């Protein structure tokens, strides 16, 4: 279930907090459902896509919305499609990808603006649970590749550099650490402008802002972060930089819910299990993140007398799949949980249904409701 009015309210608040010169693009990979995109389109500055399929989907339904295109392993046909469909910026991930794009643009006599995605080394920056850079990863190119990239760009005039893209951390929950990371990006770009005689107009600082699934009362302080960012950007007021974010999970996760009916409650050894209708083939987030997902319970009846259940005991909530990894939450204390009750998992609006192994065991797909 998706709360669209709350999603609109959240998106509007997030964008309005941004300092001048900053923009928010929505990372469609987090949840590309058409009602979700439609709710966000009036508030975000555009969509970020990471595949030819996402590009087709977004362009089909939002032909006039600005689109930026990132992600590793772009096909030559994806690059052609990006030019044909008027993608504003392509985030180039390697020297070979840059060469392919230059060749395509040359053959088509077309112009294309780009950012170079650089995987910076991070000697002293604390990592998060999902590190996208600062170490060896398949994302972006090494800083040492910049001279070769600039030389390649200098040999043609169709592909034009507007700036750099960075996305080194995901699941960031500490706004002060995130500000430190962005400061590192800005200092680095300022040094590159001097070293390589560049005039940069855009810096994409990625997404990476997380949701605290284990302590829902302690979420990323977006308002405080934006205040700190505003102060930080004053230091670089002599630069005509546009700062772009491309967040996904942080925007949509709180506005979605996954609901499953308790089918069975049983004791096995010293542990109690509640088997819910559905599973991680519908809602993969808890398994993917290896956490106990927050939930609430809706009782099916006021009478417990004839309902199989468990009272005042830790319970492990699982789904219907034939794998021990099909777990929503382990050994969570409940006052009462019985057959027929509904379990409502919060923060299911991002990386949930769309990343799940949907065909496993050929169970029915979940019903989706977009609430207005």
Protein backbone atom coordinates (compact mmCIF):
# COMPACT_ATOMS: atom_id res chain seq x y z
CA UNK A 1 0.00 0.00 0.00
CA UNK A 2 1.30 3.44 -0.93
CA UNK A 3 0.17 6.69 0.69
CA UNK A 4 0.36 9.11 -2.24
CA UNK A 5 -0.74 12.29 -0.40
CA UNK A 6 1.95 11.66 2.21
CA UNK A 7 4.48 11.00 -0.56
CA UNK A 8 3.65 14.33 -2.19
CA UNK A 9 3.90 16.11 1.15
CA UNK A 10 7.23 14.46 1.91
CA UNK A 11 8.70 15.21 -1.52
CA UNK A 12 7.60 18.84 -1.35
CA UNK A 13 9.18 19.24 2.08
CA UNK A 14 12.44 17.62 1.02
CA UNK A 15 12.80 19.83 -2.06
CA UNK A 16 11.79 23.03 -0.28
CA UNK A 17 14.54 22.48 2.32
CA UNK A 18 17.29 22.47 -0.31
CA UNK A 19 19.58 25.52 -0.37
CA UNK A 20 19.66 27.75 -3.47
CA UNK A 21 21.58 26.20 -6.34
CA UNK A 22 20.62 22.64 -5.37
CA UNK A 23 18.27 20.25 -7.16
CA UNK A 24 16.68 16.91 -6.28
CA UNK A 25 16.27 14.18 -8.88
CA UNK A 26 14.37 11.02 -7.96
CA UNK A 27 16.23 7.74 -8.49
CA UNK A 28 13.60 5.68 -10.29
CA UNK A 29 15.31 2.42 -9.34
CA UNK A 30 13.97 2.78 -5.79
CA UNK A 31 10.36 2.43 -6.93
CA UNK A 32 9.38 3.01 -10.57
CA UNK A 33 5.64 2.43 -10.11
CA UNK A 34 3.76 4.86 -12.33
CA UNK A 35 1.54 6.34 -9.55
CA UNK A 36 4.68 6.95 -7.47
CA UNK A 37 6.45 8.72 -10.34
CA UNK A 38 3.32 10.70 -11.06
CA UNK A 39 3.07 11.85 -7.45
CA UNK A 40 6.71 12.95 -7.42
CA UNK A 41 6.96 14.60 -10.84
CA UNK A 42 5.51 17.98 -9.81
CA UNK A 43 7.99 18.37 -6.95
CA UNK A 44 11.34 16.88 -7.96
CA UNK A 45 13.54 18.50 -10.59
CA UNK A 46 13.67 15.34 -12.69
CA UNK A 47 14.27 11.58 -12.70
CA UNK A 48 17.50 9.60 -12.60
CA UNK A 49 17.45 6.33 -14.55
CA UNK A 50 20.00 3.53 -14.55
CA UNK A 51 19.03 1.36 -17.52
CA UNK A 52 17.58 1.54 -20.99
CA UNK A 53 14.39 0.01 -19.63
CA UNK A 54 14.01 2.69 -16.98
CA UNK A 55 14.72 5.34 -19.58
CA UNK A 56 11.99 3.99 -21.88
CA UNK A 57 9.52 3.79 -18.98
CA UNK A 58 10.13 7.32 -17.76
CA UNK A 59 10.22 8.89 -21.22
CA UNK A 60 7.02 7.11 -22.27
CA UNK A 61 5.07 8.57 -19.37
CA UNK A 62 6.96 11.82 -18.67
CA UNK A 63 8.29 12.99 -22.04
CA UNK A 64 9.06 16.52 -20.86
CA UNK A 65 10.59 15.77 -17.46
CA UNK A 66 14.40 16.22 -17.24
CA UNK A 67 16.21 12.87 -17.13
CA UNK A 68 19.77 11.96 -16.19
CA UNK A 69 21.23 8.53 -16.97
CA UNK A 70 23.73 6.70 -14.77
CA UNK A 71 24.83 3.20 -13.88
CA UNK A 72 27.56 0.80 -15.00
CA UNK A 73 27.42 -1.47 -18.02
CA UNK A 74 25.43 0.73 -20.37
CA UNK A 75 24.83 -0.94 -23.71
CA UNK A 76 25.75 0.87 -26.91
CA UNK A 77 22.02 0.79 -27.68
CA UNK A 78 21.37 2.47 -24.31
CA UNK A 79 23.74 5.30 -25.21
CA UNK A 80 22.07 5.71 -28.60
CA UNK A 81 18.68 5.72 -26.90
CA UNK A 82 19.85 8.36 -24.42
CA UNK A 83 20.85 10.68 -27.25
CA UNK A 84 17.64 10.00 -29.19
CA UNK A 85 15.45 10.60 -26.13
CA UNK A 86 17.10 13.86 -25.17
CA UNK A 87 18.68 12.80 -21.88
CA UNK A 88 20.10 15.90 -20.26
CA UNK A 89 23.22 14.26 -18.82
CA UNK A 90 24.87 10.86 -19.05
CA UNK A 91 27.01 9.89 -16.08
CA UNK A 92 29.96 8.16 -17.73
CA UNK A 93 31.40 5.25 -15.74
CA UNK A 94 34.57 4.30 -17.65
CA UNK A 95 36.96 5.34 -20.38
CA UNK A 96 35.58 2.70 -22.71
CA UNK A 97 32.03 3.96 -22.15
CA UNK A 98 33.24 7.48 -22.89
CA UNK A 99 34.89 6.32 -26.13
CA UNK A 100 31.71 4.51 -27.18
CA UNK A 101 29.63 7.59 -26.49
CA UNK A 102 32.00 9.84 -28.45
CA UNK A 103 31.88 7.43 -31.39
CA UNK A 104 28.07 7.30 -31.34
CA UNK A 105 27.71 11.07 -31.04
CA UNK A 106 30.15 11.54 -33.91
CA UNK A 107 28.29 9.15 -36.20
CA UNK A 108 24.97 10.74 -35.39
CA UNK A 109 26.28 14.31 -35.56
CA UNK A 110 24.65 14.84 -32.15
CA UNK A 111 25.73 16.66 -29.01
CA UNK A 112 25.58 15.13 -25.54
CA UNK A 113 26.51 16.61 -22.16
CA UNK A 114 28.09 14.35 -19.56
CA UNK A 115 29.43 14.06 -16.04
CA UNK A 116 32.38 11.81 -15.27
CA UNK A 117 31.62 9.49 -12.37
CA UNK A 118 34.75 9.30 -10.26
CA UNK A 119 35.41 6.74 -7.53
CA UNK A 120 37.41 8.78 -5.06
CA UNK A 121 39.68 7.21 -2.49
CA UNK A 122 38.45 7.87 1.05
CA UNK A 123 41.26 7.39 3.54
CA UNK A 124 39.56 8.78 6.64
CA UNK A 125 35.83 8.88 5.85
CA UNK A 126 33.79 6.38 7.90
CA UNK A 127 31.97 3.86 5.73
CA UNK A 128 28.31 2.88 5.88
CA UNK A 129 26.70 -0.55 5.51
CA UNK A 130 26.74 -0.17 1.73
CA UNK A 131 29.85 1.41 0.29
CA UNK A 132 29.64 2.40 -3.37
CA UNK A 133 33.08 3.97 -3.68
CA UNK A 134 36.25 4.94 -1.84
CA UNK A 135 37.30 1.31 -2.24
CA UNK A 136 37.51 -1.05 -5.20
CA UNK A 137 34.02 -1.23 -6.71
CA UNK A 138 32.59 -1.58 -10.23
CA UNK A 139 31.17 1.94 -10.02
CA UNK A 140 32.81 4.91 -11.70
CA UNK A 141 36.41 5.37 -12.79
CA UNK A 142 39.58 6.03 -10.86
CA UNK A 143 40.78 9.57 -10.37
CA UNK A 144 43.88 8.59 -12.35
CA UNK A 145 41.65 8.23 -15.44
CA UNK A 146 40.75 11.93 -15.55
CA UNK A 147 43.67 13.05 -17.76
CA UNK A 148 42.89 10.32 -20.31
CA UNK A 149 39.18 11.22 -20.23
CA UNK A 150 39.96 14.90 -20.80
CA UNK A 151 42.34 14.06 -23.63
CA UNK A 152 39.66 11.91 -25.27
CA UNK A 153 37.10 14.70 -24.93
CA UNK A 154 39.59 17.20 -26.36
CA UNK A 155 39.89 15.22 -29.59
CA UNK A 156 36.22 15.75 -30.48
CA UNK A 157 33.53 18.38 -30.00
CA UNK A 158 30.30 16.41 -29.72
CA UNK A 159 30.46 15.15 -26.12
CA UNK A 160 30.86 17.97 -23.60
CA UNK A 161 31.94 17.78 -19.96
CA UNK A 162 29.77 19.69 -17.49
CA UNK A 163 31.12 18.25 -14.27
CA UNK A 164 31.56 15.25 -12.02
CA UNK A 165 29.39 12.66 -10.36
CA UNK A 166 30.10 11.07 -6.98
CA UNK A 167 28.19 8.38 -5.11
CA UNK A 168 30.44 6.71 -2.56
CA UNK A 169 28.07 5.79 0.29
CA UNK A 170 24.56 4.45 0.68
CA UNK A 171 22.48 4.01 3.86
CA UNK A 172 23.95 7.18 5.33
CA UNK A 173 22.16 8.01 8.59
CA UNK A 174 24.53 10.63 10.02
CA UNK A 175 23.98 14.08 8.54
CA UNK A 176 27.30 15.42 9.85
CA UNK A 177 29.24 12.64 8.17
CA UNK A 178 27.32 13.22 4.97
CA UNK A 179 28.16 16.91 5.06
CA UNK A 180 31.80 15.94 5.51
CA UNK A 181 31.59 13.70 2.48
CA UNK A 182 30.07 16.45 0.35
CA UNK A 183 32.71 18.91 1.53
CA UNK A 184 35.30 16.42 0.31
CA UNK A 185 33.60 16.31 -3.09
CA UNK A 186 33.57 20.10 -3.38
CA UNK A 187 37.18 20.53 -2.30
CA UNK A 188 38.22 17.86 -4.77
CA UNK A 189 36.41 19.49 -7.68
CA UNK A 190 37.87 22.88 -6.85
CA UNK A 191 41.35 21.33 -6.92
CA UNK A 192 40.63 19.62 -10.26
CA UNK A 193 39.43 22.89 -11.79
CA UNK A 194 42.81 24.42 -11.02
CA UNK A 195 44.87 21.36 -11.95
CA UNK A 196 43.18 20.64 -15.27
CA UNK A 197 42.10 24.20 -16.18
CA UNK A 198 38.39 23.32 -16.09
CA UNK A 199 35.24 25.36 -15.64
CA UNK A 200 32.76 23.05 -13.93
CA UNK A 201 29.07 23.91 -13.81
CA UNK A 202 27.62 20.84 -12.12
CA UNK A 203 28.44 18.43 -9.30
CA UNK A 204 26.16 15.45 -8.71
CA UNK A 205 26.58 14.22 -5.13
CA UNK A 206 24.44 11.12 -5.65
CA UNK A 207 21.91 9.87 -3.15
CA UNK A 208 22.88 7.50 -0.38
CA UNK A 209 20.76 8.98 2.41
CA UNK A 210 19.36 6.04 4.31
CA UNK A 211 16.34 4.96 6.31
CA UNK A 212 16.90 3.76 9.84
CA UNK A 213 14.93 0.53 9.81
CA UNK A 214 16.17 -0.68 13.20
CA UNK A 215 15.57 2.62 15.04
CA UNK A 216 12.70 4.30 13.21
CA UNK A 217 12.67 7.11 15.79
CA UNK A 218 16.18 8.13 14.72
CA UNK A 219 16.03 9.16 11.08
CA UNK A 220 18.41 11.28 9.04
CA UNK A 221 17.96 14.95 9.97
CA UNK A 222 17.25 16.36 6.52
CA UNK A 223 16.42 19.85 7.75
CA UNK A 224 19.61 20.06 9.81
CA UNK A 225 21.61 18.65 6.92
CA UNK A 226 20.24 21.27 4.51
CA UNK A 227 21.06 24.05 6.96
CA UNK A 228 24.62 22.76 7.20
CA UNK A 229 24.80 22.42 3.42
CA UNK A 230 23.68 26.01 2.98
CA UNK A 231 26.53 27.16 5.24
CA UNK A 232 28.99 24.91 3.43
CA UNK A 233 28.05 26.22 0.01
CA UNK A 234 28.71 29.81 1.10
CA UNK A 235 32.41 28.89 1.11
CA UNK A 236 32.15 28.18 -2.62
CA UNK A 237 29.97 31.17 -3.54
CA UNK A 238 32.55 32.20 -6.15
CA UNK A 239 31.76 29.03 -8.11
CA UNK A 240 28.79 28.74 -10.48
CA UNK A 241 28.16 25.14 -9.44
CA UNK A 242 24.79 23.45 -9.55
CA UNK A 243 24.60 20.74 -6.87
CA UNK A 244 22.34 17.82 -7.68
CA UNK A 245 21.08 14.99 -5.49
CA UNK A 246 19.55 11.78 -6.82
CA UNK A 247 17.76 10.19 -3.86
CA UNK A 248 15.38 7.25 -4.00
CA UNK A 249 14.94 5.26 -0.79
CA UNK A 250 14.95 8.39 1.38
CA UNK A 251 12.02 9.87 -0.54
CA UNK A 252 9.65 6.94 -1.01
CA UNK A 253 10.41 4.31 1.65
CA UNK A 254 8.34 5.89 4.47
CA UNK A 255 5.23 6.12 2.29
CA UNK A 256 4.83 2.39 1.58
CA UNK A 257 3.51 -0.52 3.66
CA UNK A 258 3.54 -4.28 3.12
CA UNK A 259 0.70 -6.18 4.77
CA UNK A 260 0.56 -9.93 5.32
CA UNK A 261 -1.95 -12.16 7.06
CA UNK A 262 -0.67 -14.58 9.70
CA UNK A 263 -1.38 -18.07 8.34
CA UNK A 264 0.16 -20.19 11.09
CA UNK A 265 1.84 -19.84 14.47
CA UNK A 266 3.97 -22.69 15.76
CA UNK A 267 6.74 -23.60 18.11
CA UNK A 268 9.80 -25.43 16.83
CA UNK A 269 12.42 -26.21 19.46
CA UNK A 270 12.83 -23.15 21.62
CA UNK A 271 11.62 -20.70 19.01
CA UNK A 272 8.19 -19.48 17.93
CA UNK A 273 7.44 -18.76 14.28
CA UNK A 274 4.63 -16.80 12.68
CA UNK A 275 4.18 -17.72 9.03
CA UNK A 276 2.76 -14.82 7.05
CA UNK A 277 1.05 -14.85 3.71
CA UNK A 278 3.57 -13.58 1.16
CA UNK A 279 7.28 -13.37 1.86
CA UNK A 280 10.51 -11.91 0.62
CA UNK A 281 9.47 -12.71 -2.97
CA UNK A 282 7.12 -9.75 -2.44
CA UNK A 283 9.10 -7.69 0.03
CA UNK A 284 12.83 -8.35 -0.17
CA UNK A 285 14.02 -5.38 1.89
CA UNK A 286 14.52 -7.22 5.23
CA UNK A 287 16.43 -10.08 3.62
CA UNK A 288 18.50 -7.75 1.44
CA UNK A 289 19.44 -5.54 4.39
CA UNK A 290 19.65 -8.36 6.99
CA UNK A 291 17.67 -6.48 9.61
CA UNK A 292 14.54 -6.92 11.69
CA UNK A 293 12.02 -4.89 9.77
CA UNK A 294 9.74 -2.64 11.85
CA UNK A 295 6.12 -3.73 11.93
CA UNK A 296 2.79 -3.21 13.64
CA UNK A 297 0.00 -5.71 14.21
CA UNK A 298 -3.68 -5.36 13.40
CA UNK A 299 -5.74 -7.96 15.34
CA UNK A 300 -8.35 -9.84 13.37
CA UNK A 301 -10.66 -10.24 16.39
CA UNK A 302 -10.98 -9.12 19.97
CA UNK A 303 -11.25 -12.69 21.22
CA UNK A 304 -8.14 -14.85 21.61
CA UNK A 305 -9.85 -17.84 23.18
CA UNK A 306 -10.05 -20.05 20.10
CA UNK A 307 -7.29 -18.56 17.97
CA UNK A 308 -3.90 -20.32 17.70
CA UNK A 309 -1.28 -17.79 18.69
CA UNK A 310 1.59 -16.85 20.94
CA UNK A 311 1.58 -14.47 23.88
CA UNK A 312 4.40 -12.57 25.60
CA UNK A 313 7.20 -14.31 23.75
CA UNK A 314 9.78 -13.54 21.04
CA UNK A 315 8.54 -14.52 17.59
CA UNK A 316 10.29 -14.87 14.23
CA UNK A 317 8.16 -13.60 11.36
CA UNK A 318 8.65 -15.52 8.11
CA UNK A 319 6.94 -15.92 4.74
CA UNK A 320 5.77 -18.86 2.63
CA UNK A 321 8.98 -19.59 0.74
CA UNK A 322 10.92 -22.87 0.96
CA UNK A 323 14.10 -21.21 2.21
CA UNK A 324 15.30 -20.29 5.72
CA UNK A 325 16.25 -16.86 4.36
CA UNK A 326 12.59 -15.88 3.95
CA UNK A 327 12.60 -13.83 7.17
CA UNK A 328 11.07 -10.44 7.97
CA UNK A 329 12.18 -10.16 11.60
CA UNK A 330 13.85 -12.52 14.09
CA UNK A 331 12.90 -13.09 17.73
CA UNK A 332 10.87 -9.94 18.20
CA UNK A 333 8.92 -9.72 21.46
CA UNK A 334 5.14 -9.61 20.98
CA UNK A 335 2.34 -9.28 23.48
CA UNK A 336 0.09 -11.39 21.29
CA UNK A 337 0.10 -12.61 17.70
CA UNK A 338 -2.49 -14.99 16.35
CA UNK A 339 -3.65 -16.66 13.17
CA UNK A 340 -5.67 -14.23 11.06
CA UNK A 341 -3.97 -11.13 12.42
CA UNK A 342 -2.40 -8.73 9.95
CA UNK A 343 1.24 -7.73 10.17
CA UNK A 344 1.96 -4.29 8.70
CA UNK A 345 5.58 -3.67 7.74
CA UNK A 346 6.48 0.01 7.50
CA UNK A 347 9.09 1.64 5.22
CA UNK A 348 8.11 -0.54 2.27
CA UNK A 349 7.97 2.18 -0.37
CA UNK A 350 11.44 1.62 -1.83
CA UNK A 351 13.50 -1.39 -2.90
CA UNK A 352 10.66 -3.68 -1.89
CA UNK A 353 8.40 -5.30 -4.51
CA UNK A 354 10.47 -4.10 -7.47
CA UNK A 355 13.70 -5.83 -6.28
CA UNK A 356 12.08 -9.07 -5.13
CA UNK A 357 12.52 -12.50 -6.75
CA UNK A 358 8.93 -12.36 -7.92
CA UNK A 359 8.70 -15.68 -9.77
CA UNK A 360 10.12 -17.91 -7.02
CA UNK A 361 7.65 -20.73 -6.19
CA UNK A 362 5.13 -19.07 -8.53
CA UNK A 363 3.11 -17.57 -5.68
CA UNK A 364 0.57 -14.91 -6.65
CA UNK A 365 1.80 -11.37 -6.91
CA UNK A 366 0.71 -9.05 -4.11
CA UNK A 367 -2.18 -6.68 -4.58
CA UNK A 368 -0.96 -3.11 -4.84
CA UNK A 369 -3.06 -0.19 -3.64
CA UNK A 370 -2.18 3.43 -4.32
CA UNK A 371 -4.17 5.39 -1.78
CA UNK A 372 -5.44 8.88 -2.57
